[in-house]
Amino acid sequence: MTGHPANGWGARSMWLGLVALLVGLLVGFFVSPLGWLPPAFQQRLPAYLGLALLAALDATLGALRSRMEGTYDTGVFLSGFFVNMVAAATLAYLGDWLNVDFALAASVAFGTRIFNNLAIVRRILLQRWRQRVTHAG
């Protein structure tokens, strides 16, 4: 099942990612850290969730970009969405265990990708707007 526009899955799965992100944020606001988690993990939980949020935002903006370019694939989006979130949180946890700030490296990588995707989306939107203005006038 690919994200080809003809089968309608492209837009649905992109919205699925946004809804999952919103649900995760709401759960984070209303649920305190679980008591069965180790205290060190409870203290670092906001950093892990922040990295997971950056990974999810990166995947969602990447999906928007590829959708606008006509190359969107649902499998690529969903695998990137979940694998990047888990990998970022795992990397941060491993960094805490080794006493090395891997979370910073992941934040820089995701931040760079987010701004690159935003720049490309902006250029695509600007190009489409210019084409409409040119054809309308």
N, C-alpha and C. Protein backbone atom coordinates (compact mmCIF):
# COMPACT_ATOMS: atom_id res chain seq x y z
N MET A 1 0.85 -1.17 0.00
CA MET A 1 0.00 0.00 0.00
C MET A 1 0.90 1.23 0.00
N THR A 2 1.04 1.87 -1.12
CA THR A 2 1.87 3.06 -1.20
C THR A 2 1.02 4.30 -1.05
N GLY A 3 1.69 5.41 -0.97
CA GLY A 3 0.99 6.67 -0.79
C GLY A 3 0.63 7.34 -2.09
N HIS A 4 0.43 6.58 -3.12
CA HIS A 4 0.07 7.16 -4.41
C HIS A 4 -1.27 7.87 -4.29
N PRO A 5 -1.39 9.07 -4.85
CA PRO A 5 -2.63 9.84 -4.72
C PRO A 5 -3.86 9.10 -5.24
N ALA A 6 -3.68 8.18 -6.17
CA ALA A 6 -4.84 7.50 -6.75
C ALA A 6 -5.55 6.61 -5.74
N ASN A 7 -4.82 6.04 -4.78
CA ASN A 7 -5.48 5.16 -3.82
C ASN A 7 -5.90 5.88 -2.54
N GLY A 8 -5.58 7.14 -2.41
CA GLY A 8 -6.06 7.94 -1.29
C GLY A 8 -5.33 7.76 0.03
N TRP A 9 -4.33 6.89 0.10
CA TRP A 9 -3.64 6.64 1.36
C TRP A 9 -2.64 7.72 1.72
N GLY A 10 -2.15 8.46 0.75
CA GLY A 10 -1.13 9.46 1.01
C GLY A 10 -1.57 10.48 2.04
N ALA A 11 -2.68 11.13 1.79
CA ALA A 11 -3.16 12.17 2.70
C ALA A 11 -3.59 11.57 4.03
N ARG A 12 -4.21 10.39 4.00
CA ARG A 12 -4.66 9.78 5.25
C ARG A 12 -3.50 9.46 6.18
N SER A 13 -2.44 8.88 5.64
CA SER A 13 -1.34 8.50 6.53
C SER A 13 -0.58 9.72 7.02
N MET A 14 -0.55 10.79 6.22
CA MET A 14 0.10 12.01 6.69
C MET A 14 -0.71 12.59 7.85
N TRP A 15 -2.03 12.56 7.75
CA TRP A 15 -2.87 13.02 8.85
C TRP A 15 -2.74 12.10 10.05
N LEU A 16 -2.54 10.80 9.79
CA LEU A 16 -2.35 9.84 10.87
C LEU A 16 -1.14 10.24 11.72
N GLY A 17 -0.06 10.65 11.06
CA GLY A 17 1.12 11.08 11.79
C GLY A 17 0.85 12.32 12.63
N LEU A 18 0.12 13.27 12.07
CA LEU A 18 -0.20 14.48 12.83
C LEU A 18 -1.11 14.17 14.02
N VAL A 19 -2.09 13.28 13.82
CA VAL A 19 -2.98 12.90 14.91
C VAL A 19 -2.20 12.16 15.99
N ALA A 20 -1.29 11.26 15.59
CA ALA A 20 -0.47 10.54 16.57
C ALA A 20 0.39 11.51 17.36
N LEU A 21 0.93 12.51 16.69
CA LEU A 21 1.73 13.52 17.37
C LEU A 21 0.89 14.29 18.38
N LEU A 22 -0.31 14.68 18.00
CA LEU A 22 -1.21 15.40 18.90
C LEU A 22 -1.61 14.54 20.09
N VAL A 23 -1.94 13.28 19.85
CA VAL A 23 -2.31 12.37 20.94
C VAL A 23 -1.13 12.21 21.90
N GLY A 24 0.06 12.07 21.36
CA GLY A 24 1.25 11.95 22.21
C GLY A 24 1.46 13.17 23.08
N LEU A 25 1.25 14.35 22.49
CA LEU A 25 1.38 15.58 23.27
C LEU A 25 0.34 15.65 24.38
N LEU A 26 -0.90 15.30 24.06
CA LEU A 26 -1.96 15.33 25.07
C LEU A 26 -1.68 14.34 26.20
N VAL A 27 -1.25 13.14 25.84
CA VAL A 27 -0.90 12.16 26.87
C VAL A 27 0.24 12.69 27.73
N GLY A 28 1.22 13.32 27.11
CA GLY A 28 2.33 13.88 27.86
C GLY A 28 1.91 14.97 28.82
N PHE A 29 0.90 15.76 28.45
CA PHE A 29 0.43 16.83 29.33
C PHE A 29 -0.38 16.31 30.51
N PHE A 30 -1.13 15.23 30.30
CA PHE A 30 -2.06 14.78 31.33
C PHE A 30 -1.59 13.57 32.14
N VAL A 31 -0.53 12.92 31.73
CA VAL A 31 -0.06 11.73 32.44
C VAL A 31 1.32 12.04 33.02
N SER A 32 1.45 11.86 34.31
CA SER A 32 2.76 12.08 34.94
C SER A 32 3.65 10.87 34.64
N PRO A 33 4.96 11.02 34.79
CA PRO A 33 5.85 9.87 34.57
C PRO A 33 5.42 8.69 35.44
N LEU A 34 5.46 7.53 34.86
CA LEU A 34 5.01 6.33 35.56
C LEU A 34 5.96 5.98 36.69
N GLY A 35 5.41 5.58 37.83
CA GLY A 35 6.20 5.29 39.01
C GLY A 35 7.12 4.09 38.87
N TRP A 36 6.80 3.17 37.98
CA TRP A 36 7.63 1.97 37.84
C TRP A 36 8.90 2.22 37.02
N LEU A 37 9.01 3.39 36.43
CA LEU A 37 10.22 3.71 35.67
C LEU A 37 11.36 4.06 36.62
N PRO A 38 12.59 3.73 36.26
CA PRO A 38 13.73 4.11 37.12
C PRO A 38 13.78 5.62 37.30
N PRO A 39 14.17 6.09 38.49
CA PRO A 39 14.21 7.54 38.75
C PRO A 39 15.07 8.31 37.75
N ALA A 40 16.19 7.73 37.33
CA ALA A 40 17.04 8.43 36.36
C ALA A 40 16.30 8.64 35.04
N PHE A 41 15.51 7.65 34.66
CA PHE A 41 14.74 7.77 33.42
C PHE A 41 13.64 8.81 33.57
N GLN A 42 13.00 8.84 34.76
CA GLN A 42 11.95 9.83 34.99
C GLN A 42 12.50 11.25 34.88
N GLN A 43 13.71 11.47 35.35
CA GLN A 43 14.31 12.80 35.29
C GLN A 43 14.64 13.19 33.86
N ARG A 44 15.00 12.23 33.03
CA ARG A 44 15.39 12.51 31.64
C ARG A 44 14.24 12.35 30.66
N LEU A 45 13.07 11.93 31.14
CA LEU A 45 11.94 11.69 30.26
C LEU A 45 11.60 12.88 29.37
N PRO A 46 11.60 14.12 29.88
CA PRO A 46 11.32 15.25 28.99
C PRO A 46 12.30 15.36 27.83
N ALA A 47 13.56 15.05 28.06
CA ALA A 47 14.55 15.10 26.97
C ALA A 47 14.25 14.03 25.93
N TYR A 48 13.88 12.83 26.39
CA TYR A 48 13.56 11.75 25.45
C TYR A 48 12.31 12.09 24.64
N LEU A 49 11.31 12.63 25.32
CA LEU A 49 10.08 13.00 24.62
C LEU A 49 10.33 14.15 23.65
N GLY A 50 11.19 15.07 24.04
CA GLY A 50 11.54 16.17 23.14
C GLY A 50 12.21 15.67 21.88
N LEU A 51 13.12 14.71 22.03
CA LEU A 51 13.78 14.12 20.86
C LEU A 51 12.78 13.36 20.00
N ALA A 52 11.89 12.62 20.64
CA ALA A 52 10.87 11.88 19.88
C ALA A 52 9.97 12.86 19.13
N LEU A 53 9.66 13.99 19.75
CA LEU A 53 8.85 15.01 19.09
C LEU A 53 9.59 15.60 17.89
N LEU A 54 10.87 15.87 18.04
CA LEU A 54 11.67 16.36 16.91
C LEU A 54 11.70 15.35 15.78
N ALA A 55 11.85 14.07 16.12
CA ALA A 55 11.87 13.02 15.10
C ALA A 55 10.53 12.93 14.39
N ALA A 56 9.44 13.03 15.14
CA ALA A 56 8.12 12.98 14.53
C ALA A 56 7.87 14.20 13.64
N LEU A 57 8.29 15.36 14.09
CA LEU A 57 8.14 16.57 13.28
C LEU A 57 8.97 16.48 12.01
N ASP A 58 10.18 15.93 12.12
CA ASP A 58 11.03 15.74 10.95
C ASP A 58 10.36 14.82 9.94
N ALA A 59 9.82 13.70 10.40
CA ALA A 59 9.17 12.76 9.49
C ALA A 59 7.92 13.38 8.86
N THR A 60 7.15 14.13 9.64
CA THR A 60 5.93 14.74 9.12
C THR A 60 6.24 15.81 8.08
N LEU A 61 7.24 16.65 8.35
CA LEU A 61 7.61 17.66 7.36
C LEU A 61 8.24 17.03 6.12
N GLY A 62 8.97 15.93 6.31
CA GLY A 62 9.51 15.20 5.17
C GLY A 62 8.39 14.62 4.32
N ALA A 63 7.33 14.14 4.97
CA ALA A 63 6.18 13.61 4.24
C ALA A 63 5.47 14.73 3.48
N LEU A 64 5.32 15.88 4.11
CA LEU A 64 4.69 17.02 3.43
C LEU A 64 5.51 17.42 2.21
N ARG A 65 6.81 17.49 2.39
CA ARG A 65 7.70 17.84 1.28
C ARG A 65 7.57 16.84 0.14
N SER A 66 7.65 15.55 0.45
CA SER A 66 7.58 14.55 -0.61
C SER A 66 6.20 14.52 -1.26
N ARG A 67 5.17 14.81 -0.50
CA ARG A 67 3.81 14.89 -1.06
C ARG A 67 3.74 16.03 -2.07
N MET A 68 4.33 17.16 -1.72
CA MET A 68 4.31 18.31 -2.63
C MET A 68 5.17 18.07 -3.86
N GLU A 69 6.21 17.23 -3.72
CA GLU A 69 7.08 16.91 -4.86
C GLU A 69 6.53 15.75 -5.69
N GLY A 70 5.48 15.09 -5.18
CA GLY A 70 4.88 13.97 -5.90
C GLY A 70 5.61 12.65 -5.72
N THR A 71 6.42 12.53 -4.67
CA THR A 71 7.18 11.30 -4.44
C THR A 71 6.82 10.63 -3.12
N TYR A 72 5.67 10.94 -2.55
CA TYR A 72 5.28 10.43 -1.24
C TYR A 72 5.05 8.92 -1.28
N ASP A 73 5.52 8.24 -0.23
CA ASP A 73 5.31 6.80 -0.07
C ASP A 73 4.94 6.55 1.40
N THR A 74 3.80 5.93 1.61
CA THR A 74 3.30 5.70 2.97
C THR A 74 4.28 4.86 3.79
N GLY A 75 4.83 3.82 3.20
CA GLY A 75 5.76 2.96 3.94
C GLY A 75 6.99 3.71 4.41
N VAL A 76 7.51 4.56 3.55
CA VAL A 76 8.68 5.36 3.93
C VAL A 76 8.32 6.31 5.07
N PHE A 77 7.15 6.94 4.98
CA PHE A 77 6.73 7.87 6.03
C PHE A 77 6.55 7.16 7.36
N LEU A 78 5.77 6.08 7.38
CA LEU A 78 5.48 5.40 8.64
C LEU A 78 6.74 4.80 9.26
N SER A 79 7.59 4.20 8.44
CA SER A 79 8.82 3.62 9.00
C SER A 79 9.73 4.73 9.52
N GLY A 80 9.85 5.82 8.79
CA GLY A 80 10.66 6.94 9.26
C GLY A 80 10.10 7.55 10.53
N PHE A 81 8.79 7.68 10.59
CA PHE A 81 8.13 8.28 11.75
C PHE A 81 8.46 7.50 13.02
N PHE A 82 8.21 6.20 13.01
CA PHE A 82 8.38 5.41 14.22
C PHE A 82 9.84 5.03 14.48
N VAL A 83 10.56 4.65 13.46
CA VAL A 83 11.96 4.25 13.66
C VAL A 83 12.80 5.43 14.14
N ASN A 84 12.60 6.61 13.57
CA ASN A 84 13.37 7.77 14.01
C ASN A 84 13.06 8.15 15.45
N MET A 85 11.78 8.06 15.85
CA MET A 85 11.43 8.38 17.23
C MET A 85 12.10 7.42 18.20
N VAL A 86 12.00 6.13 17.92
CA VAL A 86 12.60 5.13 18.82
C VAL A 86 14.12 5.25 18.81
N ALA A 87 14.70 5.45 17.64
CA ALA A 87 16.16 5.57 17.55
C ALA A 87 16.67 6.79 18.31
N ALA A 88 15.97 7.91 18.21
CA ALA A 88 16.40 9.12 18.92
C ALA A 88 16.32 8.93 20.43
N ALA A 89 15.22 8.37 20.91
CA ALA A 89 15.09 8.14 22.35
C ALA A 89 16.12 7.12 22.84
N THR A 90 16.35 6.08 22.05
CA THR A 90 17.35 5.07 22.43
C THR A 90 18.75 5.67 22.45
N LEU A 91 19.05 6.49 21.47
CA LEU A 91 20.36 7.15 21.42
C LEU A 91 20.55 8.05 22.64
N ALA A 92 19.51 8.77 23.02
CA ALA A 92 19.61 9.64 24.20
C ALA A 92 19.81 8.81 25.46
N TYR A 93 19.09 7.70 25.58
CA TYR A 93 19.23 6.84 26.75
C TYR A 93 20.63 6.24 26.81
N LEU A 94 21.12 5.77 25.66
CA LEU A 94 22.47 5.22 25.60
C LEU A 94 23.51 6.28 25.97
N GLY A 95 23.29 7.50 25.49
CA GLY A 95 24.19 8.59 25.84
C GLY A 95 24.19 8.88 27.33
N ASP A 96 23.02 8.82 27.96
CA ASP A 96 22.96 9.01 29.42
C ASP A 96 23.71 7.89 30.13
N TRP A 97 23.55 6.69 29.64
CA TRP A 97 24.20 5.54 30.26
C TRP A 97 25.72 5.64 30.15
N LEU A 98 26.20 6.14 29.00
CA LEU A 98 27.64 6.30 28.78
C LEU A 98 28.18 7.65 29.25
N ASN A 99 27.27 8.51 29.73
CA ASN A 99 27.60 9.85 30.17
C ASN A 99 28.16 10.71 29.02
N VAL A 100 27.55 10.56 27.86
CA VAL A 100 27.89 11.33 26.66
C VAL A 100 26.59 11.93 26.14
N ASP A 101 26.62 13.19 25.74
CA ASP A 101 25.39 13.87 25.32
C ASP A 101 25.07 13.59 23.84
N PHE A 102 24.56 12.36 23.58
CA PHE A 102 24.14 12.02 22.22
C PHE A 102 22.85 12.75 21.85
N ALA A 103 22.09 13.18 22.84
CA ALA A 103 20.84 13.88 22.56
C ALA A 103 21.10 15.17 21.80
N LEU A 104 22.20 15.82 22.09
CA LEU A 104 22.55 17.05 21.38
C LEU A 104 22.81 16.77 19.91
N ALA A 105 23.53 15.69 19.63
CA ALA A 105 23.80 15.33 18.23
C ALA A 105 22.51 15.03 17.48
N ALA A 106 21.61 14.30 18.12
CA ALA A 106 20.33 13.98 17.48
C ALA A 106 19.50 15.25 17.28
N SER A 107 19.51 16.15 18.25
CA SER A 107 18.76 17.41 18.13
C SER A 107 19.28 18.25 16.97
N VAL A 108 20.59 18.32 16.83
CA VAL A 108 21.17 19.09 15.72
C VAL A 108 20.79 18.45 14.39
N ALA A 109 20.88 17.13 14.30
CA ALA A 109 20.55 16.44 13.05
C ALA A 109 19.09 16.65 12.68
N PHE A 110 18.18 16.45 13.63
CA PHE A 110 16.76 16.64 13.34
C PHE A 110 16.44 18.10 13.05
N GLY A 111 17.05 19.01 13.80
CA GLY A 111 16.82 20.43 13.55
C GLY A 111 17.25 20.85 12.16
N THR A 112 18.39 20.35 11.73
CA THR A 112 18.88 20.66 10.38
C THR A 112 17.91 20.13 9.32
N ARG A 113 17.47 18.90 9.50
CA ARG A 113 16.53 18.31 8.53
C ARG A 113 15.19 19.05 8.52
N ILE A 114 14.72 19.45 9.70
CA ILE A 114 13.45 20.18 9.78
C ILE A 114 13.55 21.50 9.02
N PHE A 115 14.62 22.26 9.25
CA PHE A 115 14.77 23.54 8.56
C PHE A 115 14.98 23.37 7.06
N ASN A 116 15.69 22.32 6.66
CA ASN A 116 15.85 22.05 5.23
C ASN A 116 14.51 21.72 4.58
N ASN A 117 13.71 20.88 5.24
CA ASN A 117 12.40 20.54 4.69
C ASN A 117 11.49 21.77 4.64
N LEU A 118 11.54 22.59 5.68
CA LEU A 118 10.73 23.82 5.67
C LEU A 118 11.14 24.75 4.53
N ALA A 119 12.44 24.86 4.29
CA ALA A 119 12.91 25.71 3.19
C ALA A 119 12.43 25.19 1.85
N ILE A 120 12.47 23.88 1.65
CA ILE A 120 12.01 23.31 0.38
C ILE A 120 10.51 23.48 0.22
N VAL A 121 9.74 23.26 1.29
CA VAL A 121 8.29 23.46 1.23
C VAL A 121 7.98 24.92 0.90
N ARG A 122 8.71 25.83 1.53
CA ARG A 122 8.50 27.26 1.26
C ARG A 122 8.77 27.57 -0.21
N ARG A 123 9.87 27.04 -0.75
CA ARG A 123 10.19 27.28 -2.16
C ARG A 123 9.12 26.72 -3.10
N ILE A 124 8.62 25.54 -2.79
CA ILE A 124 7.57 24.94 -3.62
C ILE A 124 6.32 25.79 -3.57
N LEU A 125 5.93 26.23 -2.38
CA LEU A 125 4.73 27.07 -2.25
C LEU A 125 4.92 28.40 -2.99
N LEU A 126 6.09 29.00 -2.86
CA LEU A 126 6.37 30.25 -3.55
C LEU A 126 6.33 30.07 -5.06
N GLN A 127 6.90 28.98 -5.54
CA GLN A 127 6.88 28.70 -6.98
C GLN A 127 5.45 28.49 -7.48
N ARG A 128 4.63 27.76 -6.72
CA ARG A 128 3.23 27.55 -7.12
C ARG A 128 2.46 28.86 -7.12
N TRP A 129 2.72 29.70 -6.11
CA TRP A 129 2.03 30.99 -6.04
C TRP A 129 2.40 31.85 -7.24
N ARG A 130 3.70 31.89 -7.57
CA ARG A 130 4.15 32.67 -8.72
C ARG A 130 3.53 32.17 -10.02
N GLN A 131 3.39 30.86 -10.16
CA GLN A 131 2.77 30.31 -11.36
C GLN A 131 1.31 30.72 -11.46
N ARG A 132 0.60 30.72 -10.33
CA ARG A 132 -0.81 31.13 -10.34
C ARG A 132 -0.94 32.60 -10.71
N VAL A 133 -0.06 33.43 -10.14
CA VAL A 133 -0.11 34.86 -10.44
C VAL A 133 0.20 35.10 -11.91
N THR A 134 1.18 34.39 -12.45
CA THR A 134 1.56 34.55 -13.85
C THR A 134 0.44 34.12 -14.78
N HIS A 135 -0.21 32.99 -14.47
CA HIS A 135 -1.28 32.48 -15.33
C HIS A 135 -2.58 33.26 -15.16
N ALA A 136 -2.77 33.87 -14.00
CA ALA A 136 -4.00 34.64 -13.77
C ALA A 136 -3.93 36.01 -14.44
N GLY A 137 -2.73 36.56 -14.56
CA GLY A 137 -2.59 37.93 -15.05
C GLY A 137 -2.21 38.00 -16.45
